[in-house]
Amino acid sequence: MIEVRIDGPVATVTLDRPHRRNALTPAALDDLEATVESLDTPVIHLRGAGPAFCAGADLAAVADLDGDEAHEFARDGQRVAEIIENTESVVVAGIDGAARGGGVELALACDIRLATPEASFAETGVKLGLFGAWGGTHRLPAVVGMGNALDLALSGRTVDAEEALRMGLVSRIVDDPAEAVAAIAESDPAALTVVKERLRDDAPTDEQDRREAEAFADLIERADLAEYR
């Protein structure tokens, strides 16, 4: 289900279940968690095999869950999203084709979301009497604003790449996410880690400022700026 290819500073993690539009079972969530935790490359490219990014939870696996099992499955998905969000690596979602439900939630946990012109997005859970429970209820409004989040989650409608870009759901529309990921990975690995850490810091402003200055000083000490003297 999860395939990994390492190419220098980039680890490409592929959800490889195209016959099910890369929908995630409980076992697949466990595999994704272990994979992300095992990687120490500066950049991780998360993508889907075939014509979809990720259809979210595999409904065939979810349909027979009882209440306790469903609670555990939701918590598993939340944990995986948190691991993606908090890993030191910069995680880039390369979204080519459909992202639905939990697939949107995994993308929301990534640092950067790149969509191809063929990408589309929907929080379809409401149409099934469900909703996205892998952290989407707090990440979606944080990324696109409460108005857009309510519209997407309550309507279940599908938006294309252009509309996703306008509402801030994706960072850019690109023809080839792998090329854009490679360009990001050309930057200094330590700087990538520090910038992600600083931007995601939710400490009080004074503490953020102190940490920012310390991190900048640490990078200055290791940076090679001789050509600018």
Protein backbone atom coordinates (compact mmCIF):
# COMPACT_ATOMS: atom_id res chain seq x y z
CA MET A 1 0.00 0.00 0.00
CA ILE A 2 2.78 2.47 0.89
CA GLU A 3 5.80 2.71 -1.38
CA VAL A 4 8.90 4.80 -0.68
CA ARG A 5 11.62 6.01 -3.02
CA ILE A 6 14.60 8.02 -1.77
CA ASP A 7 16.27 10.37 -4.22
CA GLY A 8 18.87 12.48 -2.43
CA PRO A 9 17.07 14.94 -0.12
CA VAL A 10 13.59 13.84 -1.20
CA ALA A 11 11.62 10.81 -0.03
CA THR A 12 8.64 10.13 -2.29
CA VAL A 13 5.89 8.37 -0.36
CA THR A 14 3.24 6.91 -2.65
CA LEU A 15 -0.18 5.70 -1.59
CA ASP A 16 -0.24 2.73 -3.94
CA ARG A 17 -3.73 1.28 -4.12
CA PRO A 18 -5.04 2.76 -7.35
CA HIS A 19 -7.84 0.22 -7.81
CA ARG A 20 -9.42 1.73 -4.66
CA ARG A 21 -8.36 5.30 -5.47
CA ASN A 22 -5.73 4.94 -2.72
CA ALA A 23 -8.37 4.73 0.01
CA LEU A 24 -6.89 4.01 3.42
CA THR A 25 -7.65 1.02 5.61
CA PRO A 26 -6.65 0.85 9.28
CA ALA A 27 -3.60 -1.22 8.27
CA ALA A 28 -2.64 1.35 5.63
CA LEU A 29 -2.81 4.13 8.21
CA ASP A 30 -0.43 2.15 10.41
CA ASP A 31 1.93 1.68 7.47
CA LEU A 32 1.84 5.38 6.61
CA GLU A 33 2.54 6.32 10.21
CA ALA A 34 5.55 3.97 10.40
CA THR A 35 6.84 5.19 7.06
CA VAL A 36 6.76 8.90 7.90
CA GLU A 37 8.32 8.28 11.31
CA SER A 38 11.17 6.31 9.72
CA LEU A 39 12.18 9.03 7.26
CA ASP A 40 14.82 11.67 7.92
CA THR A 41 15.11 13.31 4.50
CA PRO A 42 14.76 17.11 4.39
CA VAL A 43 11.68 16.82 2.15
CA ILE A 44 8.90 14.25 1.86
CA HIS A 45 6.68 14.18 -1.24
CA LEU A 46 3.32 12.55 -0.49
CA ARG A 47 1.45 11.44 -3.60
CA GLY A 48 -1.08 8.90 -4.85
CA ALA A 49 -0.66 6.25 -7.53
CA GLY A 50 -2.93 6.33 -10.56
CA PRO A 51 -5.66 8.88 -11.27
CA ALA A 52 -6.38 9.87 -7.65
CA PHE A 53 -4.47 11.34 -4.72
CA CYS A 54 -6.51 9.68 -1.98
CA ALA A 55 -10.21 8.87 -1.61
CA GLY A 56 -9.92 9.02 2.19
CA ALA A 57 -11.03 6.16 4.40
CA ASP A 58 -11.84 2.90 2.65
CA LEU A 59 -15.59 2.62 3.18
CA ALA A 60 -15.44 -1.15 2.75
CA ALA A 61 -13.21 -1.28 5.82
CA VAL A 62 -15.26 1.29 7.75
CA ALA A 63 -18.73 -0.11 7.09
CA ASP A 64 -18.51 -2.93 9.63
CA LEU A 65 -16.83 -1.01 12.45
CA ASP A 66 -18.66 -0.74 15.74
CA GLY A 67 -18.60 2.44 17.81
CA ASP A 68 -15.38 1.62 19.68
CA GLU A 69 -13.61 0.54 16.50
CA ALA A 70 -14.75 3.68 14.68
CA HIS A 71 -13.43 5.82 17.52
CA GLU A 72 -10.08 4.04 17.29
CA PHE A 73 -9.98 4.47 13.51
CA ALA A 74 -10.63 8.21 13.86
CA ARG A 75 -7.90 8.52 16.47
CA ASP A 76 -5.50 6.58 14.24
CA GLY A 77 -6.15 8.99 11.38
CA GLN A 78 -5.70 11.97 13.67
CA ARG A 79 -2.40 10.60 14.91
CA VAL A 80 -1.09 10.04 11.38
CA ALA A 81 -2.05 13.60 10.40
CA GLU A 82 -0.28 14.96 13.48
CA ILE A 83 2.84 12.97 12.65
CA ILE A 84 2.84 14.37 9.12
CA GLU A 85 2.34 17.88 10.46
CA ASN A 86 4.99 17.66 13.17
CA THR A 87 7.79 15.72 11.47
CA GLU A 88 10.98 17.75 11.00
CA SER A 89 10.87 17.11 7.26
CA VAL A 90 9.03 19.50 4.99
CA VAL A 91 6.05 17.48 3.73
CA VAL A 92 4.63 18.40 0.33
CA ALA A 93 1.37 16.93 -0.92
CA GLY A 94 1.44 16.47 -4.68
CA ILE A 95 -2.24 16.23 -5.54
CA ASP A 96 -2.99 14.89 -8.99
CA GLY A 97 -6.59 13.82 -9.40
CA ALA A 98 -9.20 13.38 -6.68
CA ALA A 99 -8.69 14.14 -3.01
CA ARG A 100 -11.75 13.21 -1.01
CA GLY A 101 -12.57 13.20 2.70
CA GLY A 102 -9.59 11.82 4.56
CA GLY A 103 -7.43 12.49 1.51
CA VAL A 104 -8.14 16.20 1.94
CA GLU A 105 -7.35 15.87 5.64
CA LEU A 106 -3.97 14.25 4.95
CA ALA A 107 -3.19 17.04 2.50
CA LEU A 108 -4.17 19.66 5.09
CA ALA A 109 -1.60 18.19 7.48
CA CYS A 110 1.18 18.73 4.93
CA ASP A 111 3.25 21.90 4.92
CA ILE A 112 2.67 22.65 1.23
CA ARG A 113 -0.10 21.49 -1.08
CA LEU A 114 0.64 21.46 -4.81
CA ALA A 115 -2.19 20.65 -7.21
CA THR A 116 -2.06 19.70 -10.85
CA PRO A 117 -4.74 21.14 -13.16
CA GLU A 118 -6.52 17.76 -12.89
CA ALA A 119 -6.80 17.89 -9.08
CA SER A 120 -10.16 18.15 -7.35
CA PHE A 121 -11.23 18.29 -3.73
CA ALA A 122 -14.35 17.43 -1.72
CA GLU A 123 -15.34 16.76 1.86
CA THR A 124 -18.00 14.23 0.93
CA GLY A 125 -18.63 12.74 4.36
CA VAL A 126 -21.84 14.70 4.97
CA LYS A 127 -23.48 12.98 2.00
CA LEU A 128 -22.90 9.64 3.75
CA GLY A 129 -24.05 10.85 7.15
CA LEU A 130 -20.43 11.24 8.28
CA PHE A 131 -17.74 13.91 8.42
CA GLY A 132 -13.96 14.15 8.24
CA ALA A 133 -12.58 13.07 11.61
CA TRP A 134 -8.83 13.03 10.95
CA GLY A 135 -8.30 16.56 12.21
CA GLY A 136 -10.17 18.21 9.36
CA THR A 137 -12.60 20.07 11.59
CA HIS A 138 -9.77 22.24 12.94
CA ARG A 139 -7.30 22.25 10.03
CA LEU A 140 -9.79 23.08 7.28
CA PRO A 141 -11.02 26.39 8.78
CA ALA A 142 -7.46 27.27 9.77
CA VAL A 143 -6.36 26.91 6.13
CA VAL A 144 -9.34 28.22 4.12
CA GLY A 145 -11.28 30.28 6.67
CA MET A 146 -14.46 29.38 8.49
CA GLY A 147 -16.81 30.43 5.68
CA ASN A 148 -15.13 28.27 3.06
CA ALA A 149 -14.74 25.40 5.52
CA LEU A 150 -18.45 25.41 6.35
CA ASP A 151 -19.33 25.57 2.66
CA LEU A 152 -17.10 22.63 1.75
CA ALA A 153 -17.99 20.44 4.72
CA LEU A 154 -21.74 21.11 4.74
CA SER A 155 -22.33 20.98 0.99
CA GLY A 156 -19.98 18.11 0.15
CA ARG A 157 -19.44 19.82 -3.19
CA THR A 158 -16.38 19.26 -5.37
CA VAL A 159 -14.00 22.12 -6.17
CA ASP A 160 -11.42 22.10 -8.94
CA ALA A 161 -7.79 23.17 -8.65
CA GLU A 162 -8.49 26.80 -9.59
CA GLU A 163 -11.15 27.24 -6.92
CA ALA A 164 -8.98 25.41 -4.38
CA LEU A 165 -6.19 27.88 -5.14
CA ARG A 166 -8.49 30.89 -4.75
CA MET A 167 -9.64 29.76 -1.30
CA GLY A 168 -6.12 28.86 -0.15
CA LEU A 169 -6.68 25.12 -0.01
CA VAL A 170 -3.63 24.63 -2.25
CA SER A 171 -0.47 26.70 -2.48
CA ARG A 172 0.12 26.43 -6.23
CA ILE A 173 -1.06 24.73 -9.40
CA VAL A 174 1.80 22.98 -11.19
CA ASP A 175 2.09 20.57 -14.08
CA ASP A 176 4.56 18.32 -12.28
CA PRO A 177 4.60 18.34 -8.46
CA ALA A 178 7.83 16.29 -8.43
CA GLU A 179 9.72 19.11 -10.15
CA ALA A 180 8.42 21.66 -7.67
CA VAL A 181 9.33 19.37 -4.77
CA ALA A 182 12.86 18.97 -6.14
CA ALA A 183 13.21 22.76 -6.31
CA ILE A 184 12.17 23.10 -2.66
CA ALA A 185 14.71 20.43 -1.72
CA GLU A 186 17.54 22.49 -3.25
CA SER A 187 17.45 24.78 -0.22
CA ASP A 188 19.64 24.22 2.83
CA PRO A 189 18.23 21.29 4.86
CA ALA A 190 18.83 22.95 8.22
CA ALA A 191 17.11 26.12 7.07
CA LEU A 192 14.12 24.15 5.83
CA THR A 193 13.75 22.47 9.21
CA VAL A 194 14.11 25.72 11.14
CA VAL A 195 11.70 27.68 8.95
CA LYS A 196 9.03 24.99 9.29
CA GLU A 197 9.55 24.86 13.04
CA ARG A 198 9.35 28.62 13.42
CA LEU A 199 6.27 29.08 11.23
CA ARG A 200 4.42 26.31 13.06
CA ASP A 201 5.34 27.65 16.51
CA ASP A 202 2.22 28.59 18.45
CA ALA A 203 3.94 29.89 21.58
CA PRO A 204 3.20 33.44 22.81
CA THR A 205 4.68 36.12 20.54
CA ASP A 206 7.49 37.10 22.92
CA GLU A 207 8.62 33.48 23.15
CA GLN A 208 8.38 33.05 19.39
CA ASP A 209 10.57 36.13 18.91
CA ARG A 210 13.19 34.75 21.32
CA ARG A 211 13.24 31.38 19.58
CA GLU A 212 13.37 33.05 16.18
CA ALA A 213 16.44 35.08 17.10
CA GLU A 214 18.19 32.05 18.57
CA ALA A 215 17.45 29.95 15.49
CA PHE A 216 18.70 32.71 13.17
CA ALA A 217 21.92 32.97 15.17
CA ASP A 218 22.45 29.21 14.96
CA LEU A 219 22.01 29.25 11.19
CA ILE A 220 24.35 32.23 10.78
CA GLU A 221 27.10 30.29 12.55
CA ARG A 222 26.87 27.42 10.10
CA ALA A 223 26.03 29.28 6.90
CA ASP A 224 28.69 29.83 4.22
CA LEU A 225 28.24 33.48 3.23
CA ALA A 226 31.84 34.20 2.22
CA GLU A 227 30.91 35.20 -1.33
CA TYR A 228 28.76 38.04 -0.01
CA ARG A 229 31.52 39.71 2.02
